[in-house]
């Protein structure tokens, strides 16, 4: 599922955003 894959990748690379980084 490419959308799922890319959302995961985007989430990991947005790790500098505090709430997203904490979630990752």
PDBML (XML) file of the C-alpha atoms, coordinates in Angstrom:
<?xml version="1.0" encoding="UTF-8" ?>
<PDBx:datablock datablockName="MODEL"
   xmlns:PDBx="http://pdbml.pdb.org/schema/pdbx-v50.xsd"
   xmlns:xsi="http://www.w3.org/2001/XMLSchema-instance"
   xsi:schemaLocation="http://pdbml.pdb.org/schema/pdbx-v50.xsd pdbx-v50.xsd">
   <PDBx:atom_siteCategory>
      <PDBx:atom_site id="1">
         <PDBx:B_iso_or_equiv>0.00</PDBx:B_iso_or_equiv>
         <PDBx:Cartn_x>0.000</PDBx:Cartn_x>
         <PDBx:Cartn_y>0.000</PDBx:Cartn_y>
         <PDBx:Cartn_z>0.000</PDBx:Cartn_z>
         <PDBx:auth_asym_id>A</PDBx:auth_asym_id>
         <PDBx:auth_atom_id>CA</PDBx:auth_atom_id>
         <PDBx:auth_comp_id>UNK</PDBx:auth_comp_id>
         <PDBx:auth_seq_id>1</PDBx:auth_seq_id>
         <PDBx:group_PDB>ATOM</PDBx:group_PDB>
         <PDBx:label_alt_id xsi:nil="true" />
         <PDBx:label_asym_id>A</PDBx:label_asym_id>
         <PDBx:label_atom_id>CA</PDBx:label_atom_id>
         <PDBx:label_comp_id>UNK</PDBx:label_comp_id>
         <PDBx:label_entity_id>1</PDBx:label_entity_id>
         <PDBx:label_seq_id>1</PDBx:label_seq_id>
         <PDBx:occupancy>1.00</PDBx:occupancy>
         <PDBx:pdbx_PDB_model_num>1</PDBx:pdbx_PDB_model_num>
         <PDBx:type_symbol>C</PDBx:type_symbol>
      </PDBx:atom_site>
      <PDBx:atom_site id="2">
         <PDBx:B_iso_or_equiv>0.00</PDBx:B_iso_or_equiv>
         <PDBx:Cartn_x>2.058</PDBx:Cartn_x>
         <PDBx:Cartn_y>2.911</PDBx:Cartn_y>
         <PDBx:Cartn_z>-1.330</PDBx:Cartn_z>
         <PDBx:auth_asym_id>A</PDBx:auth_asym_id>
         <PDBx:auth_atom_id>CA</PDBx:auth_atom_id>
         <PDBx:auth_comp_id>UNK</PDBx:auth_comp_id>
         <PDBx:auth_seq_id>2</PDBx:auth_seq_id>
         <PDBx:group_PDB>ATOM</PDBx:group_PDB>
         <PDBx:label_alt_id xsi:nil="true" />
         <PDBx:label_asym_id>A</PDBx:label_asym_id>
         <PDBx:label_atom_id>CA</PDBx:label_atom_id>
         <PDBx:label_comp_id>UNK</PDBx:label_comp_id>
         <PDBx:label_entity_id>1</PDBx:label_entity_id>
         <PDBx:label_seq_id>2</PDBx:label_seq_id>
         <PDBx:occupancy>1.00</PDBx:occupancy>
         <PDBx:pdbx_PDB_model_num>1</PDBx:pdbx_PDB_model_num>
         <PDBx:type_symbol>C</PDBx:type_symbol>
      </PDBx:atom_site>
      <PDBx:atom_site id="3">
         <PDBx:B_iso_or_equiv>0.00</PDBx:B_iso_or_equiv>
         <PDBx:Cartn_x>0.065</PDBx:Cartn_x>
         <PDBx:Cartn_y>5.559</PDBx:Cartn_y>
         <PDBx:Cartn_z>0.537</PDBx:Cartn_z>
         <PDBx:auth_asym_id>A</PDBx:auth_asym_id>
         <PDBx:auth_atom_id>CA</PDBx:auth_atom_id>
         <PDBx:auth_comp_id>UNK</PDBx:auth_comp_id>
         <PDBx:auth_seq_id>3</PDBx:auth_seq_id>
         <PDBx:group_PDB>ATOM</PDBx:group_PDB>
         <PDBx:label_alt_id xsi:nil="true" />
         <PDBx:label_asym_id>A</PDBx:label_asym_id>
         <PDBx:label_atom_id>CA</PDBx:label_atom_id>
         <PDBx:label_comp_id>UNK</PDBx:label_comp_id>
         <PDBx:label_entity_id>1</PDBx:label_entity_id>
         <PDBx:label_seq_id>3</PDBx:label_seq_id>
         <PDBx:occupancy>1.00</PDBx:occupancy>
         <PDBx:pdbx_PDB_model_num>1</PDBx:pdbx_PDB_model_num>
         <PDBx:type_symbol>C</PDBx:type_symbol>
      </PDBx:atom_site>
      <PDBx:atom_site id="4">
         <PDBx:B_iso_or_equiv>0.00</PDBx:B_iso_or_equiv>
         <PDBx:Cartn_x>0.620</PDBx:Cartn_x>
         <PDBx:Cartn_y>3.784</PDBx:Cartn_y>
         <PDBx:Cartn_z>3.852</PDBx:Cartn_z>
         <PDBx:auth_asym_id>A</PDBx:auth_asym_id>
         <PDBx:auth_atom_id>CA</PDBx:auth_atom_id>
         <PDBx:auth_comp_id>UNK</PDBx:auth_comp_id>
         <PDBx:auth_seq_id>4</PDBx:auth_seq_id>
         <PDBx:group_PDB>ATOM</PDBx:group_PDB>
         <PDBx:label_alt_id xsi:nil="true" />
         <PDBx:label_asym_id>A</PDBx:label_asym_id>
         <PDBx:label_atom_id>CA</PDBx:label_atom_id>
         <PDBx:label_comp_id>UNK</PDBx:label_comp_id>
         <PDBx:label_entity_id>1</PDBx:label_entity_id>
         <PDBx:label_seq_id>4</PDBx:label_seq_id>
         <PDBx:occupancy>1.00</PDBx:occupancy>
         <PDBx:pdbx_PDB_model_num>1</PDBx:pdbx_PDB_model_num>
         <PDBx:type_symbol>C</PDBx:type_symbol>
      </PDBx:atom_site>
      <PDBx:atom_site id="5">
         <PDBx:B_iso_or_equiv>0.00</PDBx:B_iso_or_equiv>
         <PDBx:Cartn_x>4.310</PDBx:Cartn_x>
         <PDBx:Cartn_y>3.354</PDBx:Cartn_y>
         <PDBx:Cartn_z>3.070</PDBx:Cartn_z>
         <PDBx:auth_asym_id>A</PDBx:auth_asym_id>
         <PDBx:auth_atom_id>CA</PDBx:auth_atom_id>
         <PDBx:auth_comp_id>UNK</PDBx:auth_comp_id>
         <PDBx:auth_seq_id>5</PDBx:auth_seq_id>
         <PDBx:group_PDB>ATOM</PDBx:group_PDB>
         <PDBx:label_alt_id xsi:nil="true" />
         <PDBx:label_asym_id>A</PDBx:label_asym_id>
         <PDBx:label_atom_id>CA</PDBx:label_atom_id>
         <PDBx:label_comp_id>UNK</PDBx:label_comp_id>
         <PDBx:label_entity_id>1</PDBx:label_entity_id>
         <PDBx:label_seq_id>5</PDBx:label_seq_id>
         <PDBx:occupancy>1.00</PDBx:occupancy>
         <PDBx:pdbx_PDB_model_num>1</PDBx:pdbx_PDB_model_num>
         <PDBx:type_symbol>C</PDBx:type_symbol>
      </PDBx:atom_site>
      <PDBx:atom_site id="6">
         <PDBx:B_iso_or_equiv>0.00</PDBx:B_iso_or_equiv>
         <PDBx:Cartn_x>4.818</PDBx:Cartn_x>
         <PDBx:Cartn_y>6.996</PDBx:Cartn_y>
         <PDBx:Cartn_z>2.130</PDBx:Cartn_z>
         <PDBx:auth_asym_id>A</PDBx:auth_asym_id>
         <PDBx:auth_atom_id>CA</PDBx:auth_atom_id>
         <PDBx:auth_comp_id>UNK</PDBx:auth_comp_id>
         <PDBx:auth_seq_id>6</PDBx:auth_seq_id>
         <PDBx:group_PDB>ATOM</PDBx:group_PDB>
         <PDBx:label_alt_id xsi:nil="true" />
         <PDBx:label_asym_id>A</PDBx:label_asym_id>
         <PDBx:label_atom_id>CA</PDBx:label_atom_id>
         <PDBx:label_comp_id>UNK</PDBx:label_comp_id>
         <PDBx:label_entity_id>1</PDBx:label_entity_id>
         <PDBx:label_seq_id>6</PDBx:label_seq_id>
         <PDBx:occupancy>1.00</PDBx:occupancy>
         <PDBx:pdbx_PDB_model_num>1</PDBx:pdbx_PDB_model_num>
         <PDBx:type_symbol>C</PDBx:type_symbol>
      </PDBx:atom_site>
      <PDBx:atom_site id="7">
         <PDBx:B_iso_or_equiv>0.00</PDBx:B_iso_or_equiv>
         <PDBx:Cartn_x>2.893</PDBx:Cartn_x>
         <PDBx:Cartn_y>8.313</PDBx:Cartn_y>
         <PDBx:Cartn_z>5.138</PDBx:Cartn_z>
         <PDBx:auth_asym_id>A</PDBx:auth_asym_id>
         <PDBx:auth_atom_id>CA</PDBx:auth_atom_id>
         <PDBx:auth_comp_id>UNK</PDBx:auth_comp_id>
         <PDBx:auth_seq_id>7</PDBx:auth_seq_id>
         <PDBx:group_PDB>ATOM</PDBx:group_PDB>
         <PDBx:label_alt_id xsi:nil="true" />
         <PDBx:label_asym_id>A</PDBx:label_asym_id>
         <PDBx:label_atom_id>CA</PDBx:label_atom_id>
         <PDBx:label_comp_id>UNK</PDBx:label_comp_id>
         <PDBx:label_entity_id>1</PDBx:label_entity_id>
         <PDBx:label_seq_id>7</PDBx:label_seq_id>
         <PDBx:occupancy>1.00</PDBx:occupancy>
         <PDBx:pdbx_PDB_model_num>1</PDBx:pdbx_PDB_model_num>
         <PDBx:type_symbol>C</PDBx:type_symbol>
      </PDBx:atom_site>
      <PDBx:atom_site id="8">
         <PDBx:B_iso_or_equiv>0.00</PDBx:B_iso_or_equiv>
         <PDBx:Cartn_x>5.179</PDBx:Cartn_x>
         <PDBx:Cartn_y>6.243</PDBx:Cartn_y>
         <PDBx:Cartn_z>7.368</PDBx:Cartn_z>
         <PDBx:auth_asym_id>A</PDBx:auth_asym_id>
         <PDBx:auth_atom_id>CA</PDBx:auth_atom_id>
         <PDBx:auth_comp_id>UNK</PDBx:auth_comp_id>
         <PDBx:auth_seq_id>8</PDBx:auth_seq_id>
         <PDBx:group_PDB>ATOM</PDBx:group_PDB>
         <PDBx:label_alt_id xsi:nil="true" />
         <PDBx:label_asym_id>A</PDBx:label_asym_id>
         <PDBx:label_atom_id>CA</PDBx:label_atom_id>
         <PDBx:label_comp_id>UNK</PDBx:label_comp_id>
         <PDBx:label_entity_id>1</PDBx:label_entity_id>
         <PDBx:label_seq_id>8</PDBx:label_seq_id>
         <PDBx:occupancy>1.00</PDBx:occupancy>
         <PDBx:pdbx_PDB_model_num>1</PDBx:pdbx_PDB_model_num>
         <PDBx:type_symbol>C</PDBx:type_symbol>
      </PDBx:atom_site>
      <PDBx:atom_site id="9">
         <PDBx:B_iso_or_equiv>0.00</PDBx:B_iso_or_equiv>
         <PDBx:Cartn_x>8.250</PDBx:Cartn_x>
         <PDBx:Cartn_y>7.592</PDBx:Cartn_y>
         <PDBx:Cartn_z>5.609</PDBx:Cartn_z>
         <PDBx:auth_asym_id>A</PDBx:auth_asym_id>
         <PDBx:auth_atom_id>CA</PDBx:auth_atom_id>
         <PDBx:auth_comp_id>UNK</PDBx:auth_comp_id>
         <PDBx:auth_seq_id>9</PDBx:auth_seq_id>
         <PDBx:group_PDB>ATOM</PDBx:group_PDB>
         <PDBx:label_alt_id xsi:nil="true" />
         <PDBx:label_asym_id>A</PDBx:label_asym_id>
         <PDBx:label_atom_id>CA</PDBx:label_atom_id>
         <PDBx:label_comp_id>UNK</PDBx:label_comp_id>
         <PDBx:label_entity_id>1</PDBx:label_entity_id>
         <PDBx:label_seq_id>9</PDBx:label_seq_id>
         <PDBx:occupancy>1.00</PDBx:occupancy>
         <PDBx:pdbx_PDB_model_num>1</PDBx:pdbx_PDB_model_num>
         <PDBx:type_symbol>C</PDBx:type_symbol>
      </PDBx:atom_site>
      <PDBx:atom_site id="10">
         <PDBx:B_iso_or_equiv>0.00</PDBx:B_iso_or_equiv>
         <PDBx:Cartn_x>6.986</PDBx:Cartn_x>
         <PDBx:Cartn_y>11.181</PDBx:Cartn_y>
         <PDBx:Cartn_z>5.803</PDBx:Cartn_z>
         <PDBx:auth_asym_id>A</PDBx:auth_asym_id>
         <PDBx:auth_atom_id>CA</PDBx:auth_atom_id>
         <PDBx:auth_comp_id>UNK</PDBx:auth_comp_id>
         <PDBx:auth_seq_id>10</PDBx:auth_seq_id>
         <PDBx:group_PDB>ATOM</PDBx:group_PDB>
         <PDBx:label_alt_id xsi:nil="true" />
         <PDBx:label_asym_id>A</PDBx:label_asym_id>
         <PDBx:label_atom_id>CA</PDBx:label_atom_id>
         <PDBx:label_comp_id>UNK</PDBx:label_comp_id>
         <PDBx:label_entity_id>1</PDBx:label_entity_id>
         <PDBx:label_seq_id>10</PDBx:label_seq_id>
         <PDBx:occupancy>1.00</PDBx:occupancy>
         <PDBx:pdbx_PDB_model_num>1</PDBx:pdbx_PDB_model_num>
         <PDBx:type_symbol>C</PDBx:type_symbol>
      </PDBx:atom_site>
      <PDBx:atom_site id="11">
         <PDBx:B_iso_or_equiv>0.00</PDBx:B_iso_or_equiv>
         <PDBx:Cartn_x>6.192</PDBx:Cartn_x>
         <PDBx:Cartn_y>10.690</PDBx:Cartn_y>
         <PDBx:Cartn_z>9.474</PDBx:Cartn_z>
         <PDBx:auth_asym_id>A</PDBx:auth_asym_id>
         <PDBx:auth_atom_id>CA</PDBx:auth_atom_id>
         <PDBx:auth_comp_id>UNK</PDBx:auth_comp_id>
         <PDBx:auth_seq_id>11</PDBx:auth_seq_id>
         <PDBx:group_PDB>ATOM</PDBx:group_PDB>
         <PDBx:label_alt_id xsi:nil="true" />
         <PDBx:label_asym_id>A</PDBx:label_asym_id>
         <PDBx:label_atom_id>CA</PDBx:label_atom_id>
         <PDBx:label_comp_id>UNK</PDBx:label_comp_id>
         <PDBx:label_entity_id>1</PDBx:label_entity_id>
         <PDBx:label_seq_id>11</PDBx:label_seq_id>
         <PDBx:occupancy>1.00</PDBx:occupancy>
         <PDBx:pdbx_PDB_model_num>1</PDBx:pdbx_PDB_model_num>
         <PDBx:type_symbol>C</PDBx:type_symbol>
      </PDBx:atom_site>
      <PDBx:atom_site id="12">
         <PDBx:B_iso_or_equiv>0.00</PDBx:B_iso_or_equiv>
         <PDBx:Cartn_x>9.664</PDBx:Cartn_x>
         <PDBx:Cartn_y>9.432</PDBx:Cartn_y>
         <PDBx:Cartn_z>10.279</PDBx:Cartn_z>
         <PDBx:auth_asym_id>A</PDBx:auth_asym_id>
         <PDBx:auth_atom_id>CA</PDBx:auth_atom_id>
         <PDBx:auth_comp_id>UNK</PDBx:auth_comp_id>
         <PDBx:auth_seq_id>12</PDBx:auth_seq_id>
         <PDBx:group_PDB>ATOM</PDBx:group_PDB>
         <PDBx:label_alt_id xsi:nil="true" />
         <PDBx:label_asym_id>A</PDBx:label_asym_id>
         <PDBx:label_atom_id>CA</PDBx:label_atom_id>
         <PDBx:label_comp_id>UNK</PDBx:label_comp_id>
         <PDBx:label_entity_id>1</PDBx:label_entity_id>
         <PDBx:label_seq_id>12</PDBx:label_seq_id>
         <PDBx:occupancy>1.00</PDBx:occupancy>
         <PDBx:pdbx_PDB_model_num>1</PDBx:pdbx_PDB_model_num>
         <PDBx:type_symbol>C</PDBx:type_symbol>
      </PDBx:atom_site>
      <PDBx:atom_site id="13">
         <PDBx:B_iso_or_equiv>0.00</PDBx:B_iso_or_equiv>
         <PDBx:Cartn_x>11.261</PDBx:Cartn_x>
         <PDBx:Cartn_y>12.313</PDBx:Cartn_y>
         <PDBx:Cartn_z>8.382</PDBx:Cartn_z>
         <PDBx:auth_asym_id>A</PDBx:auth_asym_id>
         <PDBx:auth_atom_id>CA</PDBx:auth_atom_id>
         <PDBx:auth_comp_id>UNK</PDBx:auth_comp_id>
         <PDBx:auth_seq_id>13</PDBx:auth_seq_id>
         <PDBx:group_PDB>ATOM</PDBx:group_PDB>
         <PDBx:label_alt_id xsi:nil="true" />
         <PDBx:label_asym_id>A</PDBx:label_asym_id>
         <PDBx:label_atom_id>CA</PDBx:label_atom_id>
         <PDBx:label_comp_id>UNK</PDBx:label_comp_id>
         <PDBx:label_entity_id>1</PDBx:label_entity_id>
         <PDBx:label_seq_id>13</PDBx:label_seq_id>
         <PDBx:occupancy>1.00</PDBx:occupancy>
         <PDBx:pdbx_PDB_model_num>1</PDBx:pdbx_PDB_model_num>
         <PDBx:type_symbol>C</PDBx:type_symbol>
      </PDBx:atom_site>
      <PDBx:atom_site id="14">
         <PDBx:B_iso_or_equiv>0.00</PDBx:B_iso_or_equiv>
         <PDBx:Cartn_x>9.040</PDBx:Cartn_x>
         <PDBx:Cartn_y>14.854</PDBx:Cartn_y>
         <PDBx:Cartn_z>10.169</PDBx:Cartn_z>
         <PDBx:auth_asym_id>A</PDBx:auth_asym_id>
         <PDBx:auth_atom_id>CA</PDBx:auth_atom_id>
         <PDBx:auth_comp_id>UNK</PDBx:auth_comp_id>
         <PDBx:auth_seq_id>14</PDBx:auth_seq_id>
         <PDBx:group_PDB>ATOM</PDBx:group_PDB>
         <PDBx:label_alt_id xsi:nil="true" />
         <PDBx:label_asym_id>A</PDBx:label_asym_id>
         <PDBx:label_atom_id>CA</PDBx:label_atom_id>
         <PDBx:label_comp_id>UNK</PDBx:label_comp_id>
         <PDBx:label_entity_id>1</PDBx:label_entity_id>
         <PDBx:label_seq_id>14</PDBx:label_seq_id>
         <PDBx:occupancy>1.00</PDBx:occupancy>
         <PDBx:pdbx_PDB_model_num>1</PDBx:pdbx_PDB_model_num>
         <PDBx:type_symbol>C</PDBx:type_symbol>
      </PDBx:atom_site>
      <PDBx:atom_site id="15">
         <PDBx:B_iso_or_equiv>0.00</PDBx:B_iso_or_equiv>
         <PDBx:Cartn_x>10.624</PDBx:Cartn_x>
         <PDBx:Cartn_y>13.788</PDBx:Cartn_y>
         <PDBx:Cartn_z>13.446</PDBx:Cartn_z>
         <PDBx:auth_asym_id>A</PDBx:auth_asym_id>
         <PDBx:auth_atom_id>CA</PDBx:auth_atom_id>
         <PDBx:auth_comp_id>UNK</PDBx:auth_comp_id>
         <PDBx:auth_seq_id>15</PDBx:auth_seq_id>
         <PDBx:group_PDB>ATOM</PDBx:group_PDB>
         <PDBx:label_alt_id xsi:nil="true" />
         <PDBx:label_asym_id>A</PDBx:label_asym_id>
         <PDBx:label_atom_id>CA</PDBx:label_atom_id>
         <PDBx:label_comp_id>UNK</PDBx:label_comp_id>
         <PDBx:label_entity_id>1</PDBx:label_entity_id>
         <PDBx:label_seq_id>15</PDBx:label_seq_id>
         <PDBx:occupancy>1.00</PDBx:occupancy>
         <PDBx:pdbx_PDB_model_num>1</PDBx:pdbx_PDB_model_num>
         <PDBx:type_symbol>C</PDBx:type_symbol>
      </PDBx:atom_site>
      <PDBx:atom_site id="16">
         <PDBx:B_iso_or_equiv>0.00</PDBx:B_iso_or_equiv>
         <PDBx:Cartn_x>11.848</PDBx:Cartn_x>
         <PDBx:Cartn_y>17.320</PDBx:Cartn_y>
         <PDBx:Cartn_z>14.170</PDBx:Cartn_z>
         <PDBx:auth_asym_id>A</PDBx:auth_asym_id>
         <PDBx:auth_atom_id>CA</PDBx:auth_atom_id>
         <PDBx:auth_comp_id>UNK</PDBx:auth_comp_id>
         <PDBx:auth_seq_id>16</PDBx:auth_seq_id>
         <PDBx:group_PDB>ATOM</PDBx:group_PDB>
         <PDBx:label_alt_id xsi:nil="true" />
         <PDBx:label_asym_id>A</PDBx:label_asym_id>
         <PDBx:label_atom_id>CA</PDBx:label_atom_id>
         <PDBx:label_comp_id>UNK</PDBx:label_comp_id>
         <PDBx:label_entity_id>1</PDBx:label_entity_id>
         <PDBx:label_seq_id>16</PDBx:label_seq_id>
         <PDBx:occupancy>1.00</PDBx:occupancy>
         <PDBx:pdbx_PDB_model_num>1</PDBx:pdbx_PDB_model_num>
         <PDBx:type_symbol>C</PDBx:type_symbol>
      </PDBx:atom_site>
      <PDBx:atom_site id="17">
         <PDBx:B_iso_or_equiv>0.00</PDBx:B_iso_or_equiv>
         <PDBx:Cartn_x>8.228</PDBx:Cartn_x>
         <PDBx:Cartn_y>18.390</PDBx:Cartn_y>
         <PDBx:Cartn_z>14.639</PDBx:Cartn_z>
         <PDBx:auth_asym_id>A</PDBx:auth_asym_id>
         <PDBx:auth_atom_id>CA</PDBx:auth_atom_id>
         <PDBx:auth_comp_id>UNK</PDBx:auth_comp_id>
         <PDBx:auth_seq_id>17</PDBx:auth_seq_id>
         <PDBx:group_PDB>ATOM</PDBx:group_PDB>
         <PDBx:label_alt_id xsi:nil="true" />
         <PDBx:label_asym_id>A</PDBx:label_asym_id>
         <PDBx:label_atom_id>CA</PDBx:label_atom_id>
         <PDBx:label_comp_id>UNK</PDBx:label_comp_id>
         <PDBx:label_entity_id>1</PDBx:label_entity_id>
         <PDBx:label_seq_id>17</PDBx:label_seq_id>
         <PDBx:occupancy>1.00</PDBx:occupancy>
         <PDBx:pdbx_PDB_model_num>1</PDBx:pdbx_PDB_model_num>
         <PDBx:type_symbol>C</PDBx:type_symbol>
      </PDBx:atom_site>
      <PDBx:atom_site id="18">
         <PDBx:B_iso_or_equiv>0.00</PDBx:B_iso_or_equiv>
         <PDBx:Cartn_x>7.912</PDBx:Cartn_x>
         <PDBx:Cartn_y>17.664</PDBx:Cartn_y>
         <PDBx:Cartn_z>18.379</PDBx:Cartn_z>
         <PDBx:auth_asym_id>A</PDBx:auth_asym_id>
         <PDBx:auth_atom_id>CA</PDBx:auth_atom_id>
         <PDBx:auth_comp_id>UNK</PDBx:auth_comp_id>
         <PDBx:auth_seq_id>18</PDBx:auth_seq_id>
         <PDBx:group_PDB>ATOM</PDBx:group_PDB>
         <PDBx:label_alt_id xsi:nil="true" />
         <PDBx:label_asym_id>A</PDBx:label_asym_id>
         <PDBx:label_atom_id>CA</PDBx:label_atom_id>
         <PDBx:label_comp_id>UNK</PDBx:label_comp_id>
         <PDBx:label_entity_id>1</PDBx:label_entity_id>
         <PDBx:label_seq_id>18</PDBx:label_seq_id>
         <PDBx:occupancy>1.00</PDBx:occupancy>
         <PDBx:pdbx_PDB_model_num>1</PDBx:pdbx_PDB_model_num>
         <PDBx:type_symbol>C</PDBx:type_symbol>
      </PDBx:atom_site>
      <PDBx:atom_site id="19">
         <PDBx:B_iso_or_equiv>0.00</PDBx:B_iso_or_equiv>
         <PDBx:Cartn_x>4.536</PDBx:Cartn_x>
         <PDBx:Cartn_y>15.906</PDBx:Cartn_y>
         <PDBx:Cartn_z>18.455</PDBx:Cartn_z>
         <PDBx:auth_asym_id>A</PDBx:auth_asym_id>
         <PDBx:auth_atom_id>CA</PDBx:auth_atom_id>
         <PDBx:auth_comp_id>UNK</PDBx:auth_comp_id>
         <PDBx:auth_seq_id>19</PDBx:auth_seq_id>
         <PDBx:group_PDB>ATOM</PDBx:group_PDB>
         <PDBx:label_alt_id xsi:nil="true" />
         <PDBx:label_asym_id>A</PDBx:label_asym_id>
         <PDBx:label_atom_id>CA</PDBx:label_atom_id>
         <PDBx:label_comp_id>UNK</PDBx:label_comp_id>
         <PDBx:label_entity_id>1</PDBx:label_entity_id>
         <PDBx:label_seq_id>19</PDBx:label_seq_id>
         <PDBx:occupancy>1.00</PDBx:occupancy>
         <PDBx:pdbx_PDB_model_num>1</PDBx:pdbx_PDB_model_num>
         <PDBx:type_symbol>C</PDBx:type_symbol>
      </PDBx:atom_site>
      <PDBx:atom_site id="20">
         <PDBx:B_iso_or_equiv>0.00</PDBx:B_iso_or_equiv>
         <PDBx:Cartn_x>5.252</PDBx:Cartn_x>
         <PDBx:Cartn_y>13.873</PDBx:Cartn_y>
         <PDBx:Cartn_z>15.311</PDBx:Cartn_z>
         <PDBx:auth_asym_id>A</PDBx:auth_asym_id>
         <PDBx:auth_atom_id>CA</PDBx:auth_atom_id>
         <PDBx:auth_comp_id>UNK</PDBx:auth_comp_id>
         <PDBx:auth_seq_id>20</PDBx:auth_seq_id>
         <PDBx:group_PDB>ATOM</PDBx:group_PDB>
         <PDBx:label_alt_id xsi:nil="true" />
         <PDBx:label_asym_id>A</PDBx:label_asym_id>
         <PDBx:label_atom_id>CA</PDBx:label_atom_id>
         <PDBx:label_comp_id>UNK</PDBx:label_comp_id>
         <PDBx:label_entity_id>1</PDBx:label_entity_id>
         <PDBx:label_seq_id>20</PDBx:label_seq_id>
         <PDBx:occupancy>1.00</PDBx:occupancy>
         <PDBx:pdbx_PDB_model_num>1</PDBx:pdbx_PDB_model_num>
         <PDBx:type_symbol>C</PDBx:type_symbol>
      </PDBx:atom_site>
      <PDBx:atom_site id="21">
         <PDBx:B_iso_or_equiv>0.00</PDBx:B_iso_or_equiv>
         <PDBx:Cartn_x>8.759</PDBx:Cartn_x>
         <PDBx:Cartn_y>12.972</PDBx:Cartn_y>
         <PDBx:Cartn_z>16.452</PDBx:Cartn_z>
         <PDBx:auth_asym_id>A</PDBx:auth_asym_id>
         <PDBx:auth_atom_id>CA</PDBx:auth_atom_id>
         <PDBx:auth_comp_id>UNK</PDBx:auth_comp_id>
         <PDBx:auth_seq_id>21</PDBx:auth_seq_id>
         <PDBx:group_PDB>ATOM</PDBx:group_PDB>
         <PDBx:label_alt_id xsi:nil="true" />
         <PDBx:label_asym_id>A</PDBx:label_asym_id>
         <PDBx:label_atom_id>CA</PDBx:label_atom_id>
         <PDBx:label_comp_id>UNK</PDBx:label_comp_id>
         <PDBx:label_entity_id>1</PDBx:label_entity_id>
         <PDBx:label_seq_id>21</PDBx:label_seq_id>
         <PDBx:occupancy>1.00</PDBx:occupancy>
         <PDBx:pdbx_PDB_model_num>1</PDBx:pdbx_PDB_model_num>
         <PDBx:type_symbol>C</PDBx:type_symbol>
      </PDBx:atom_site>
      <PDBx:atom_site id="22">
         <PDBx:B_iso_or_equiv>0.00</PDBx:B_iso_or_equiv>
         <PDBx:Cartn_x>7.436</PDBx:Cartn_x>
         <PDBx:Cartn_y>11.768</PDBx:Cartn_y>
         <PDBx:Cartn_z>19.801</PDBx:Cartn_z>
         <PDBx:auth_asym_id>A</PDBx:auth_asym_id>
         <PDBx:auth_atom_id>CA</PDBx:auth_atom_id>
         <PDBx:auth_comp_id>UNK</PDBx:auth_comp_id>
         <PDBx:auth_seq_id>22</PDBx:auth_seq_id>
         <PDBx:group_PDB>ATOM</PDBx:group_PDB>
         <PDBx:label_alt_id xsi:nil="true" />
         <PDBx:label_asym_id>A</PDBx:label_asym_id>
         <PDBx:label_atom_id>CA</PDBx:label_atom_id>
         <PDBx:label_comp_id>UNK</PDBx:label_comp_id>
         <PDBx:label_entity_id>1</PDBx:label_entity_id>
         <PDBx:label_seq_id>22</PDBx:label_seq_id>
         <PDBx:occupancy>1.00</PDBx:occupancy>
         <PDBx:pdbx_PDB_model_num>1</PDBx:pdbx_PDB_model_num>
         <PDBx:type_symbol>C</PDBx:type_symbol>
      </PDBx:atom_site>
      <PDBx:atom_site id="23">
         <PDBx:B_iso_or_equiv>0.00</PDBx:B_iso_or_equiv>
         <PDBx:Cartn_x>4.826</PDBx:Cartn_x>
         <PDBx:Cartn_y>9.670</PDBx:Cartn_y>
         <PDBx:Cartn_z>18.005</PDBx:Cartn_z>
         <PDBx:auth_asym_id>A</PDBx:auth_asym_id>
         <PDBx:auth_atom_id>CA</PDBx:auth_atom_id>
         <PDBx:auth_comp_id>UNK</PDBx:auth_comp_id>
         <PDBx:auth_seq_id>23</PDBx:auth_seq_id>
         <PDBx:group_PDB>ATOM</PDBx:group_PDB>
         <PDBx:label_alt_id xsi:nil="true" />
         <PDBx:label_asym_id>A</PDBx:label_asym_id>
         <PDBx:label_atom_id>CA</PDBx:label_atom_id>
         <PDBx:label_comp_id>UNK</PDBx:label_comp_id>
         <PDBx:label_entity_id>1</PDBx:label_entity_id>
         <PDBx:label_seq_id>23</PDBx:label_seq_id>
         <PDBx:occupancy>1.00</PDBx:occupancy>
         <PDBx:pdbx_PDB_model_num>1</PDBx:pdbx_PDB_model_num>
         <PDBx:type_symbol>C</PDBx:type_symbol>
      </PDBx:atom_site>
      <PDBx:atom_site id="24">
         <PDBx:B_iso_or_equiv>0.00</PDBx:B_iso_or_equiv>
         <PDBx:Cartn_x>7.421</PDBx:Cartn_x>
         <PDBx:Cartn_y>8.173</PDBx:Cartn_y>
         <PDBx:Cartn_z>15.637</PDBx:Cartn_z>
         <PDBx:auth_asym_id>A</PDBx:auth_asym_id>
         <PDBx:auth_atom_id>CA</PDBx:auth_atom_id>
         <PDBx:auth_comp_id>UNK</PDBx:auth_comp_id>
         <PDBx:auth_seq_id>24</PDBx:auth_seq_id>
         <PDBx:group_PDB>ATOM</PDBx:group_PDB>
         <PDBx:label_alt_id xsi:nil="true" />
         <PDBx:label_asym_id>A</PDBx:label_asym_id>
         <PDBx:label_atom_id>CA</PDBx:label_atom_id>
         <PDBx:label_comp_id>UNK</PDBx:label_comp_id>
         <PDBx:label_entity_id>1</PDBx:label_entity_id>
         <PDBx:label_seq_id>24</PDBx:label_seq_id>
         <PDBx:occupancy>1.00</PDBx:occupancy>
         <PDBx:pdbx_PDB_model_num>1</PDBx:pdbx_PDB_model_num>
         <PDBx:type_symbol>C</PDBx:type_symbol>
      </PDBx:atom_site>
   </PDBx:atom_siteCategory>
</PDBx:datablock>
